[in-house]
Amino acid sequence: MKILIADKFPAHWTQVLAEQGHSITSEPSLDENTLPAAIKDHEILIVRSTKVPAAVIDAGTNLKLIIRAGAGTNTIDVKHAAEKNVAVCNCPGTNSIAVAELTMGLVLALDRHICHNTQDLRKGVWNKGEYGKAKGIFGRTIGIIGLGAIGQEVAKRAAAFGMKVVGYAPAARAEKVRALGITAQEDLYKLAAEADVITVHLPENPETKAMFNKAFFDRMKDGAIFVNAARGGLVVTKDLVEAVKNKGIKAGLDVYENEPKATDKTFDYSPFTGAENIYGTHHIGASTDQAQDAVAECTVKIIAEYAASGKFLHKVN
């Protein structure tokens, strides 16, 4: 089979695909504008963060399968793919631990002012009096919104730190959440009001887009921590920045509205200018060697199953 890899992919697993007899084209610098010309007669397309709009799918004259080497598929026009009889598969759960680790890292960094500490040390400033002020997270309440594989891994780690774990769960799912040993809160705004830390692990779709806005942030505790390592479109940036400035909320972000492409070298950070208590990373939640290896292994399994039986593992459309 002809496979186009339009993103970074571990060399070892690329070699495995080649040894299985597939024809591999690896062009990690491709984007949504250059993909249509490159897709040609490839049967399988592998992407991570590269967008796959309808134009790419239409250009793939022999395209049968798009694999998102990760969990979320919001960067792929899944509906159009279905209309064109192109399967879209993902690798759920493979990067859950990596994202959970970064989430807890952001929580701890915000509580202990770790980035500010480091910045001042690099300037030769010693400010123990200021940075010695931290609430600590032991005994605090963490509200987890989105209790899929990632949310559950966060819950395990938060519990290990001695936090009280509360999960947002509409009535229909509350019993399942309690079965995980997590306290269920059926009201989103009540969760916002009771939690010392809020962390978000939802897909972006019409129901969740802009879900975290002024109405939500107004209900959060002054000085609480908000972490988003899921999707940038879940949060209204201007409302978050306002809450950081006016309510003392501390925010840890790995994703952003209007986020640059992975190949870009600059980012217009101006919406966050002056918001000192926003710590940010570069959409690296799933970017550990362990996670990338697991994602790649899953991708190879999807291709192997399709080649052997014509069946699609983890098909989302």
C-alpha atoms as a PDB file:
ATOM      1  CA  MET A   1       0.000   0.000   0.000  1.00  0.00           C
ATOM      2  CA  LYS A   2       1.101   3.562  -0.651  1.00  0.00           C
ATOM      3  CA  ILE A   3       1.287   5.518   2.585  1.00  0.00           C
ATOM      4  CA  LEU A   4       1.852   9.253   2.987  1.00  0.00           C
ATOM      5  CA  ILE A   5       3.129  10.380   6.393  1.00  0.00           C
ATOM      6  CA  ALA A   6       2.391  14.108   6.637  1.00  0.00           C
ATOM      7  CA  ASP A   7       3.772  14.721  10.127  1.00  0.00           C
ATOM      8  CA  LYS A   8       6.592  13.654  12.407  1.00  0.00           C
ATOM      9  CA  PHE A   9       6.610   9.903  12.918  1.00  0.00           C
ATOM     10  CA  PRO A  10       9.223   7.737  14.691  1.00  0.00           C
ATOM     11  CA  ALA A  11      11.830   6.428  12.252  1.00  0.00           C
ATOM     12  CA  HIS A  12      11.731   2.939  13.785  1.00  0.00           C
ATOM     13  CA  TRP A  13       8.039   2.543  13.042  1.00  0.00           C
ATOM     14  CA  THR A  14       8.432   4.002   9.556  1.00  0.00           C
ATOM     15  CA  GLN A  15      10.985   1.247   8.958  1.00  0.00           C
ATOM     16  CA  VAL A  16       8.564  -1.352  10.299  1.00  0.00           C
ATOM     17  CA  LEU A  17       5.960  -0.237   7.746  1.00  0.00           C
ATOM     18  CA  ALA A  18       8.531  -0.420   4.963  1.00  0.00           C
ATOM     19  CA  GLU A  19       9.577  -3.914   6.047  1.00  0.00           C
ATOM     20  CA  GLN A  20       5.930  -4.950   5.878  1.00  0.00           C
ATOM     21  CA  GLY A  21       6.049  -4.150   2.168  1.00  0.00           C
ATOM     22  CA  HIS A  22       4.384  -0.751   2.104  1.00  0.00           C
ATOM     23  CA  SER A  23       5.581   2.149  -0.042  1.00  0.00           C
ATOM     24  CA  ILE A  24       6.275   5.055   2.306  1.00  0.00           C
ATOM     25  CA  THR A  25       6.439   8.758   1.502  1.00  0.00           C
ATOM     26  CA  SER A  26       7.413  10.831   4.545  1.00  0.00           C
ATOM     27  CA  GLU A  27       6.921  14.582   4.238  1.00  0.00           C
ATOM     28  CA  PRO A  28       6.476  16.004   7.751  1.00  0.00           C
ATOM     29  CA  SER A  29       6.528  19.629   6.535  1.00  0.00           C
ATOM     30  CA  LEU A  30       3.269  19.284   4.602  1.00  0.00           C
ATOM     31  CA  ASP A  31       0.272  21.387   5.645  1.00  0.00           C
ATOM     32  CA  GLU A  32      -3.352  21.741   4.562  1.00  0.00           C
ATOM     33  CA  ASN A  33      -2.308  23.879   1.574  1.00  0.00           C
ATOM     34  CA  THR A  34       0.390  21.569   0.222  1.00  0.00           C
ATOM     35  CA  LEU A  35      -1.281  18.262   1.072  1.00  0.00           C
ATOM     36  CA  PRO A  36      -3.701  18.191  -1.900  1.00  0.00           C
ATOM     37  CA  ALA A  37      -0.826  18.094  -4.388  1.00  0.00           C
ATOM     38  CA  ALA A  38       1.074  15.512  -2.360  1.00  0.00           C
ATOM     39  CA  ILE A  39      -1.739  13.070  -1.611  1.00  0.00           C
ATOM     40  CA  LYS A  40      -1.996  11.907  -5.256  1.00  0.00           C
ATOM     41  CA  ASP A  41      -2.730   8.155  -5.351  1.00  0.00           C
ATOM     42  CA  HIS A  42      -1.755   7.330  -1.773  1.00  0.00           C
ATOM     43  CA  GLU A  43      -4.175   4.923  -0.135  1.00  0.00           C
ATOM     44  CA  ILE A  44      -3.368   5.814   3.478  1.00  0.00           C
ATOM     45  CA  LEU A  45      -2.641   9.204   5.055  1.00  0.00           C
ATOM     46  CA  ILE A  46      -1.045   9.498   8.515  1.00  0.00           C
ATOM     47  CA  VAL A  47      -1.226  12.837  10.364  1.00  0.00           C
ATOM     48  CA  ARG A  48      -0.778  14.225  13.853  1.00  0.00           C
ATOM     49  CA  SER A  49      -1.676  17.909  13.996  1.00  0.00           C
ATOM     50  CA  THR A  50      -1.735  18.527  10.236  1.00  0.00           C
ATOM     51  CA  LYS A  51      -5.185  19.626   9.122  1.00  0.00           C
ATOM     52  CA  VAL A  52      -7.069  17.486   6.629  1.00  0.00           C
ATOM     53  CA  PRO A  53      -9.883  19.576   5.108  1.00  0.00           C
ATOM     54  CA  ALA A  54     -12.270  18.475   2.375  1.00  0.00           C
ATOM     55  CA  ALA A  55      -9.901  19.629  -0.367  1.00  0.00           C
ATOM     56  CA  VAL A  56      -7.287  17.099   0.729  1.00  0.00           C
ATOM     57  CA  ILE A  57      -9.813  14.284   0.813  1.00  0.00           C
ATOM     58  CA  ASP A  58     -11.124  15.226  -2.640  1.00  0.00           C
ATOM     59  CA  ALA A  59      -7.576  15.256  -4.024  1.00  0.00           C
ATOM     60  CA  GLY A  60      -6.891  11.737  -2.759  1.00  0.00           C
ATOM     61  CA  THR A  61      -8.094   9.787  -5.778  1.00  0.00           C
ATOM     62  CA  ASN A  62      -7.182   6.468  -4.146  1.00  0.00           C
ATOM     63  CA  LEU A  63      -7.511   7.502  -0.499  1.00  0.00           C
ATOM     64  CA  LYS A  64      -9.152   4.856   1.695  1.00  0.00           C
ATOM     65  CA  LEU A  65      -7.898   5.581   5.212  1.00  0.00           C
ATOM     66  CA  ILE A  66      -6.818   8.597   7.256  1.00  0.00           C
ATOM     67  CA  ILE A  67      -5.105   7.822  10.555  1.00  0.00           C
ATOM     68  CA  ARG A  68      -4.853  10.450  13.255  1.00  0.00           C
ATOM     69  CA  ALA A  69      -1.740   9.417  15.157  1.00  0.00           C
ATOM     70  CA  GLY A  70      -3.293  10.573  18.405  1.00  0.00           C
ATOM     71  CA  ALA A  71      -6.759  10.860  19.888  1.00  0.00           C
ATOM     72  CA  GLY A  72      -8.605  13.999  18.734  1.00  0.00           C
ATOM     73  CA  THR A  73      -9.893  14.174  15.172  1.00  0.00           C
ATOM     74  CA  ASN A  74     -11.124  17.786  15.129  1.00  0.00           C
ATOM     75  CA  THR A  75      -8.410  18.712  12.588  1.00  0.00           C
ATOM     76  CA  ILE A  76      -9.904  16.285  10.060  1.00  0.00           C
ATOM     77  CA  ASP A  77     -13.116  16.800   8.093  1.00  0.00           C
ATOM     78  CA  VAL A  78     -14.507  13.507   9.357  1.00  0.00           C
ATOM     79  CA  LYS A  79     -17.975  14.060   7.897  1.00  0.00           C
ATOM     80  CA  HIS A  80     -16.662  14.740   4.408  1.00  0.00           C
ATOM     81  CA  ALA A  81     -14.409  11.711   4.678  1.00  0.00           C
ATOM     82  CA  ALA A  82     -17.438   9.543   5.428  1.00  0.00           C
ATOM     83  CA  GLU A  83     -19.260  10.991   2.425  1.00  0.00           C
ATOM     84  CA  LYS A  84     -16.300  10.004   0.266  1.00  0.00           C
ATOM     85  CA  ASN A  85     -16.101   6.507   1.819  1.00  0.00           C
ATOM     86  CA  VAL A  86     -12.779   7.305   3.450  1.00  0.00           C
ATOM     87  CA  ALA A  87     -12.347   5.806   6.908  1.00  0.00           C
ATOM     88  CA  VAL A  88     -10.911   7.954   9.708  1.00  0.00           C
ATOM     89  CA  CYS A  89      -9.237   6.089  12.563  1.00  0.00           C
ATOM     90  CA  ASN A  90      -7.465   7.343  15.675  1.00  0.00           C
ATOM     91  CA  CYS A  91      -5.315   5.991  18.500  1.00  0.00           C
ATOM     92  CA  PRO A  92      -7.332   6.582  21.668  1.00  0.00           C
ATOM     93  CA  GLY A  93      -5.658   6.342  25.039  1.00  0.00           C
ATOM     94  CA  THR A  94      -2.102   6.044  23.750  1.00  0.00           C
ATOM     95  CA  ASN A  95      -1.006   9.502  24.888  1.00  0.00           C
ATOM     96  CA  SER A  96      -3.129   9.715  28.037  1.00  0.00           C
ATOM     97  CA  ILE A  97      -0.314   9.381  30.551  1.00  0.00           C
ATOM     98  CA  ALA A  98       1.837  11.970  28.795  1.00  0.00           C
ATOM     99  CA  VAL A  99      -0.960  14.563  28.829  1.00  0.00           C
ATOM    100  CA  ALA A 100      -1.804  13.758  32.451  1.00  0.00           C
ATOM    101  CA  GLU A 101       1.843  14.251  33.424  1.00  0.00           C
ATOM    102  CA  LEU A 102       1.976  17.667  31.762  1.00  0.00           C
ATOM    103  CA  THR A 103      -1.339  18.633  33.370  1.00  0.00           C
ATOM    104  CA  MET A 104      -0.020  17.932  36.847  1.00  0.00           C
ATOM    105  CA  GLY A 105       3.227  19.663  35.970  1.00  0.00           C
ATOM    106  CA  LEU A 106       1.332  22.833  35.090  1.00  0.00           C
ATOM    107  CA  VAL A 107      -0.715  22.639  38.294  1.00  0.00           C
ATOM    108  CA  LEU A 108       2.415  22.358  40.431  1.00  0.00           C
ATOM    109  CA  ALA A 109       4.270  25.024  38.444  1.00  0.00           C
ATOM    110  CA  LEU A 110       1.437  27.503  38.946  1.00  0.00           C
ATOM    111  CA  ASP A 111       1.005  26.793  42.631  1.00  0.00           C
ATOM    112  CA  ARG A 112       4.742  27.100  43.349  1.00  0.00           C
ATOM    113  CA  HIS A 113       5.455  29.935  40.869  1.00  0.00           C
ATOM    114  CA  ILE A 114       8.119  27.778  39.227  1.00  0.00           C
ATOM    115  CA  CYS A 115       8.388  29.763  35.976  1.00  0.00           C
ATOM    116  CA  HIS A 116       8.610  33.079  37.826  1.00  0.00           C
ATOM    117  CA  ASN A 117      11.225  31.608  40.171  1.00  0.00           C
ATOM    118  CA  THR A 118      13.344  30.545  37.229  1.00  0.00           C
ATOM    119  CA  GLN A 119      12.984  33.857  35.379  1.00  0.00           C
ATOM    120  CA  ASP A 120      14.179  35.812  38.406  1.00  0.00           C
ATOM    121  CA  LEU A 121      17.096  33.471  39.090  1.00  0.00           C
ATOM    122  CA  ARG A 122      18.278  33.943  35.519  1.00  0.00           C
ATOM    123  CA  LYS A 123      18.265  37.690  36.137  1.00  0.00           C
ATOM    124  CA  GLY A 124      20.176  37.284  39.397  1.00  0.00           C
ATOM    125  CA  VAL A 125      17.167  38.167  41.562  1.00  0.00           C
ATOM    126  CA  TRP A 126      16.554  36.373  44.897  1.00  0.00           C
ATOM    127  CA  ASN A 127      12.923  36.654  45.955  1.00  0.00           C
ATOM    128  CA  LYS A 128      12.260  33.907  48.489  1.00  0.00           C
ATOM    129  CA  GLY A 129       9.790  36.070  50.395  1.00  0.00           C
ATOM    130  CA  GLU A 130       7.463  36.393  47.412  1.00  0.00           C
ATOM    131  CA  TYR A 131       7.829  32.901  45.984  1.00  0.00           C
ATOM    132  CA  GLY A 132       7.503  31.240  49.362  1.00  0.00           C
ATOM    133  CA  LYS A 133       3.782  32.038  49.200  1.00  0.00           C
ATOM    134  CA  ALA A 134       1.998  28.974  47.875  1.00  0.00           C
ATOM    135  CA  LYS A 135      -1.271  27.312  48.833  1.00  0.00           C
ATOM    136  CA  GLY A 136      -0.122  23.731  48.274  1.00  0.00           C
ATOM    137  CA  ILE A 137      -2.376  21.187  46.586  1.00  0.00           C
ATOM    138  CA  PHE A 138      -2.692  18.531  49.308  1.00  0.00           C
ATOM    139  CA  GLY A 139      -6.322  18.378  50.451  1.00  0.00           C
ATOM    140  CA  ARG A 140      -7.448  20.748  47.710  1.00  0.00           C
ATOM    141  CA  THR A 141     -10.303  19.940  45.340  1.00  0.00           C
ATOM    142  CA  ILE A 142      -9.521  19.274  41.693  1.00  0.00           C
ATOM    143  CA  GLY A 143     -12.414  19.403  39.249  1.00  0.00           C
ATOM    144  CA  ILE A 144     -11.845  17.289  36.155  1.00  0.00           C
ATOM    145  CA  ILE A 145     -14.026  18.079  33.164  1.00  0.00           C
ATOM    146  CA  GLY A 146     -13.808  15.214  30.710  1.00  0.00           C
ATOM    147  CA  LEU A 147     -13.270  11.776  32.220  1.00  0.00           C
ATOM    148  CA  GLY A 148     -12.066   9.780  29.275  1.00  0.00           C
ATOM    149  CA  ALA A 149      -8.680   8.076  29.305  1.00  0.00           C
ATOM    150  CA  ILE A 150      -6.746  11.308  29.955  1.00  0.00           C
ATOM    151  CA  GLY A 151      -9.096  12.601  32.644  1.00  0.00           C
ATOM    152  CA  GLN A 152      -8.897   9.280  34.454  1.00  0.00           C
ATOM    153  CA  GLU A 153      -5.090   9.352  34.407  1.00  0.00           C
ATOM    154  CA  VAL A 154      -5.179  12.882  35.842  1.00  0.00           C
ATOM    155  CA  ALA A 155      -7.533  11.668  38.565  1.00  0.00           C
ATOM    156  CA  LYS A 156      -5.071   8.926  39.595  1.00  0.00           C
ATOM    157  CA  ARG A 157      -2.200  11.384  39.853  1.00  0.00           C
ATOM    158  CA  ALA A 158      -4.219  14.029  41.666  1.00  0.00           C
ATOM    159  CA  ALA A 159      -5.364  11.431  44.187  1.00  0.00           C
ATOM    160  CA  ALA A 160      -1.728  10.440  44.753  1.00  0.00           C
ATOM    161  CA  PHE A 161      -1.039  14.053  45.697  1.00  0.00           C
ATOM    162  CA  GLY A 162      -3.813  13.852  48.279  1.00  0.00           C
ATOM    163  CA  MET A 163      -6.308  15.942  46.362  1.00  0.00           C
ATOM    164  CA  LYS A 164     -10.068  15.514  46.514  1.00  0.00           C
ATOM    165  CA  VAL A 165     -11.105  14.491  43.005  1.00  0.00           C
ATOM    166  CA  VAL A 166     -14.446  15.652  41.628  1.00  0.00           C
ATOM    167  CA  GLY A 167     -15.517  14.954  38.058  1.00  0.00           C
ATOM    168  CA  TYR A 168     -18.116  16.801  36.024  1.00  0.00           C
ATOM    169  CA  ALA A 169     -20.679  14.272  34.913  1.00  0.00           C
ATOM    170  CA  PRO A 170     -24.156  14.964  33.544  1.00  0.00           C
ATOM    171  CA  ALA A 171     -26.808  12.866  35.248  1.00  0.00           C
ATOM    172  CA  ALA A 172     -26.651  10.153  32.593  1.00  0.00           C
ATOM    173  CA  ARG A 173     -22.975   9.486  33.336  1.00  0.00           C
ATOM    174  CA  ALA A 174     -22.776  10.236  37.051  1.00  0.00           C
ATOM    175  CA  GLU A 175     -23.000   6.598  38.102  1.00  0.00           C
ATOM    176  CA  LYS A 176     -20.147   5.619  35.777  1.00  0.00           C
ATOM    177  CA  VAL A 177     -17.990   8.366  37.276  1.00  0.00           C
ATOM    178  CA  ARG A 178     -18.721   7.219  40.814  1.00  0.00           C
ATOM    179  CA  ALA A 179     -17.790   3.671  39.777  1.00  0.00           C
ATOM    180  CA  LEU A 180     -14.299   5.026  39.052  1.00  0.00           C
ATOM    181  CA  GLY A 181     -14.039   6.167  42.655  1.00  0.00           C
ATOM    182  CA  ILE A 182     -14.490   9.804  41.646  1.00  0.00           C
ATOM    183  CA  THR A 183     -17.048  12.125  43.235  1.00  0.00           C
ATOM    184  CA  ALA A 184     -19.530  13.209  40.559  1.00  0.00           C
ATOM    185  CA  GLN A 185     -20.800  16.765  40.182  1.00  0.00           C
ATOM    186  CA  GLU A 186     -23.672  17.092  37.733  1.00  0.00           C
ATOM    187  CA  ASP A 187     -23.668  20.904  37.610  1.00  0.00           C
ATOM    188  CA  LEU A 188     -20.779  22.482  35.700  1.00  0.00           C
ATOM    189  CA  TYR A 189     -21.040  25.833  37.453  1.00  0.00           C
ATOM    190  CA  LYS A 190     -21.205  24.251  40.904  1.00  0.00           C
ATOM    191  CA  LEU A 191     -18.015  22.416  40.078  1.00  0.00           C
ATOM    192  CA  ALA A 192     -16.420  25.704  39.022  1.00  0.00           C
ATOM    193  CA  ALA A 193     -17.392  27.246  42.358  1.00  0.00           C
ATOM    194  CA  GLU A 194     -16.114  24.425  44.585  1.00  0.00           C
ATOM    195  CA  ALA A 195     -12.834  23.466  42.894  1.00  0.00           C
ATOM    196  CA  ASP A 196      -9.412  24.877  43.717  1.00  0.00           C
ATOM    197  CA  VAL A 197      -8.094  23.450  40.460  1.00  0.00           C
ATOM    198  CA  ILE A 198     -10.016  22.945  37.212  1.00  0.00           C
ATOM    199  CA  THR A 199      -8.540  20.826  34.434  1.00  0.00           C
ATOM    200  CA  VAL A 200     -10.158  20.252  31.048  1.00  0.00           C
ATOM    201  CA  HIS A 201      -9.962  17.094  28.926  1.00  0.00           C
ATOM    202  CA  LEU A 202     -12.692  17.320  26.288  1.00  0.00           C
ATOM    203  CA  PRO A 203     -12.780  17.028  22.500  1.00  0.00           C
ATOM    204  CA  GLU A 204     -13.653  20.172  20.568  1.00  0.00           C
ATOM    205  CA  ASN A 205     -17.028  19.981  18.862  1.00  0.00           C
ATOM    206  CA  PRO A 206     -20.094  22.235  18.475  1.00  0.00           C
ATOM    207  CA  GLU A 207     -21.238  21.375  22.007  1.00  0.00           C
ATOM    208  CA  THR A 208     -17.917  22.128  23.705  1.00  0.00           C
ATOM    209  CA  LYS A 209     -16.544  25.019  21.637  1.00  0.00           C
ATOM    210  CA  ALA A 210     -16.212  28.191  23.788  1.00  0.00           C
ATOM    211  CA  MET A 211     -17.562  26.206  26.753  1.00  0.00           C
ATOM    212  CA  PHE A 212     -15.155  27.949  29.109  1.00  0.00           C
ATOM    213  CA  ASN A 213     -16.150  31.574  28.928  1.00  0.00           C
ATOM    214  CA  LYS A 214     -16.946  34.541  31.147  1.00  0.00           C
ATOM    215  CA  ALA A 215     -19.949  32.798  32.712  1.00  0.00           C
ATOM    216  CA  PHE A 216     -17.747  29.880  33.753  1.00  0.00           C
ATOM    217  CA  PHE A 217     -14.768  31.912  34.943  1.00  0.00           C
ATOM    218  CA  ASP A 218     -17.031  34.242  36.941  1.00  0.00           C
ATOM    219  CA  ARG A 219     -18.060  31.234  39.035  1.00  0.00           C
ATOM    220  CA  MET A 220     -14.536  30.021  39.742  1.00  0.00           C
ATOM    221  CA  LYS A 221     -12.897  30.798  43.059  1.00  0.00           C
ATOM    222  CA  ASP A 222     -10.612  33.798  43.163  1.00  0.00           C
ATOM    223  CA  GLY A 223      -7.054  32.541  42.845  1.00  0.00           C
ATOM    224  CA  ALA A 224      -8.050  29.087  41.555  1.00  0.00           C
ATOM    225  CA  ILE A 225      -6.019  27.249  38.918  1.00  0.00           C
ATOM    226  CA  PHE A 226      -7.366  26.500  35.423  1.00  0.00           C
ATOM    227  CA  VAL A 227      -5.539  24.095  33.088  1.00  0.00           C
ATOM    228  CA  ASN A 228      -6.359  23.355  29.453  1.00  0.00           C
ATOM    229  CA  ALA A 229      -4.261  20.680  27.770  1.00  0.00           C
ATOM    230  CA  ALA A 230      -7.086  19.577  25.464  1.00  0.00           C
ATOM    231  CA  ARG A 231      -8.131  21.937  22.640  1.00  0.00           C
ATOM    232  CA  GLY A 232      -7.717  25.692  22.301  1.00  0.00           C
ATOM    233  CA  GLY A 233     -11.226  26.270  20.977  1.00  0.00           C
ATOM    234  CA  LEU A 234     -12.766  25.128  24.250  1.00  0.00           C
ATOM    235  CA  VAL A 235     -11.729  28.417  25.882  1.00  0.00           C
ATOM    236  CA  VAL A 236     -12.640  32.019  25.072  1.00  0.00           C
ATOM    237  CA  THR A 237      -9.194  33.578  25.406  1.00  0.00           C
ATOM    238  CA  LYS A 238     -10.267  37.127  26.205  1.00  0.00           C
ATOM    239  CA  ASP A 239     -12.562  35.894  28.984  1.00  0.00           C
ATOM    240  CA  LEU A 240      -9.798  33.796  30.508  1.00  0.00           C
ATOM    241  CA  VAL A 241      -7.319  36.691  30.402  1.00  0.00           C
ATOM    242  CA  GLU A 242      -9.896  38.944  32.057  1.00  0.00           C
ATOM    243  CA  ALA A 243     -10.398  36.385  34.833  1.00  0.00           C
ATOM    244  CA  VAL A 244      -6.642  36.065  35.348  1.00  0.00           C
ATOM    245  CA  LYS A 245      -6.285  39.829  35.670  1.00  0.00           C
ATOM    246  CA  ASN A 246      -9.418  40.515  37.720  1.00  0.00           C
ATOM    247  CA  LYS A 247      -9.944  37.353  39.804  1.00  0.00           C
ATOM    248  CA  GLY A 248      -6.359  36.228  40.346  1.00  0.00           C
ATOM    249  CA  ILE A 249      -7.008  32.982  38.480  1.00  0.00           C
ATOM    250  CA  LYS A 250      -3.848  31.160  37.432  1.00  0.00           C
ATOM    251  CA  ALA A 251      -3.935  29.436  34.062  1.00  0.00           C
ATOM    252  CA  GLY A 252      -1.795  26.695  32.554  1.00  0.00           C
ATOM    253  CA  LEU A 253      -2.252  26.279  28.804  1.00  0.00           C
ATOM    254  CA  ASP A 254      -0.827  23.801  26.328  1.00  0.00           C
ATOM    255  CA  VAL A 255      -3.301  24.714  23.569  1.00  0.00           C
ATOM    256  CA  TYR A 256      -4.643  27.996  22.210  1.00  0.00           C
ATOM    257  CA  GLU A 257      -7.214  29.614  19.990  1.00  0.00           C
ATOM    258  CA  ASN A 258      -5.652  30.423  16.603  1.00  0.00           C
ATOM    259  CA  GLU A 259      -2.729  28.163  17.385  1.00  0.00           C
ATOM    260  CA  PRO A 260       0.221  28.114  14.961  1.00  0.00           C
ATOM    261  CA  LYS A 261       0.935  25.082  12.825  1.00  0.00           C
ATOM    262  CA  ALA A 262       3.573  22.699  14.135  1.00  0.00           C
ATOM    263  CA  THR A 263       6.009  23.919  11.468  1.00  0.00           C
ATOM    264  CA  ASP A 264       5.579  27.619  12.310  1.00  0.00           C
ATOM    265  CA  LYS A 265       8.341  29.402  14.199  1.00  0.00           C
ATOM    266  CA  THR A 266       6.379  32.373  15.575  1.00  0.00           C
ATOM    267  CA  PHE A 267       3.186  32.840  17.588  1.00  0.00           C
ATOM    268  CA  ASP A 268       1.186  36.004  18.171  1.00  0.00           C
ATOM    269  CA  TYR A 269       1.086  35.859  21.971  1.00  0.00           C
ATOM    270  CA  SER A 270      -0.361  39.377  22.267  1.00  0.00           C
ATOM    271  CA  PRO A 271      -3.754  38.306  23.694  1.00  0.00           C
ATOM    272  CA  PHE A 272      -1.879  37.131  26.801  1.00  0.00           C
ATOM    273  CA  THR A 273       0.447  40.113  27.165  1.00  0.00           C
ATOM    274  CA  GLY A 274       0.401  41.448  30.699  1.00  0.00           C
ATOM    275  CA  ALA A 275      -1.274  38.326  32.105  1.00  0.00           C
ATOM    276  CA  GLU A 276       1.575  37.292  34.391  1.00  0.00           C
ATOM    277  CA  ASN A 277      -0.154  34.259  35.862  1.00  0.00           C
ATOM    278  CA  ILE A 278      -0.602  32.397  32.591  1.00  0.00           C
ATOM    279  CA  TYR A 279       1.974  29.669  32.063  1.00  0.00           C
ATOM    280  CA  GLY A 280       2.125  28.173  28.592  1.00  0.00           C
ATOM    281  CA  THR A 281       3.672  25.251  26.760  1.00  0.00           C
ATOM    282  CA  HIS A 282       3.844  24.631  23.012  1.00  0.00           C
ATOM    283  CA  HIS A 283       1.104  21.992  22.507  1.00  0.00           C
ATOM    284  CA  ILE A 284       3.460  19.294  23.773  1.00  0.00           C
ATOM    285  CA  GLY A 285       1.034  17.295  25.917  1.00  0.00           C
ATOM    286  CA  ALA A 286       1.468  14.101  23.906  1.00  0.00           C
ATOM    287  CA  SER A 287       5.098  14.761  23.003  1.00  0.00           C
ATOM    288  CA  THR A 288       7.028  12.297  25.106  1.00  0.00           C
ATOM    289  CA  ASP A 289       9.065   9.471  23.618  1.00  0.00           C
ATOM    290  CA  GLN A 290       6.846   6.985  25.443  1.00  0.00           C
ATOM    291  CA  ALA A 291       3.640   8.469  24.052  1.00  0.00           C
ATOM    292  CA  GLN A 292       4.909   8.836  20.497  1.00  0.00           C
ATOM    293  CA  ASP A 293       6.090   5.248  20.464  1.00  0.00           C
ATOM    294  CA  ALA A 294       2.696   4.033  21.693  1.00  0.00           C
ATOM    295  CA  VAL A 295       0.852   6.155  19.116  1.00  0.00           C
ATOM    296  CA  ALA A 296       3.077   4.902  16.303  1.00  0.00           C
ATOM    297  CA  GLU A 297       2.632   1.282  17.377  1.00  0.00           C
ATOM    298  CA  CYS A 298      -1.141   1.788  17.341  1.00  0.00           C
ATOM    299  CA  THR A 299      -0.937   3.344  13.864  1.00  0.00           C
ATOM    300  CA  VAL A 300       1.005   0.365  12.543  1.00  0.00           C
ATOM    301  CA  LYS A 301      -1.589  -2.006  14.038  1.00  0.00           C
ATOM    302  CA  ILE A 302      -4.410  -0.111  12.298  1.00  0.00           C
ATOM    303  CA  ILE A 303      -2.605  -0.438   8.968  1.00  0.00           C
ATOM    304  CA  ALA A 304      -1.799  -4.106   9.535  1.00  0.00           C
ATOM    305  CA  GLU A 305      -5.430  -4.929  10.306  1.00  0.00           C
ATOM    306  CA  TYR A 306      -6.654  -3.021   7.262  1.00  0.00           C
ATOM    307  CA  ALA A 307      -4.113  -4.758   5.021  1.00  0.00           C
ATOM    308  CA  ALA A 308      -5.020  -8.196   6.389  1.00  0.00           C
ATOM    309  CA  SER A 309      -8.794  -7.977   6.640  1.00  0.00           C
ATOM    310  CA  GLY A 310     -10.028  -4.670   5.257  1.00  0.00           C
ATOM    311  CA  LYS A 311     -11.306  -3.789   8.737  1.00  0.00           C
ATOM    312  CA  PHE A 312     -10.686  -0.445  10.413  1.00  0.00           C
ATOM    313  CA  LEU A 313      -9.590  -0.391  14.058  1.00  0.00           C
ATOM    314  CA  HIS A 314     -10.758   2.614  16.106  1.00  0.00           C
ATOM    315  CA  LYS A 315     -12.855   3.971  13.229  1.00  0.00           C
ATOM    316  CA  VAL A 316     -14.587   7.236  14.199  1.00  0.00           C
ATOM    317  CA  ASN A 317     -16.822   7.746  11.148  1.00  0.00           C
END
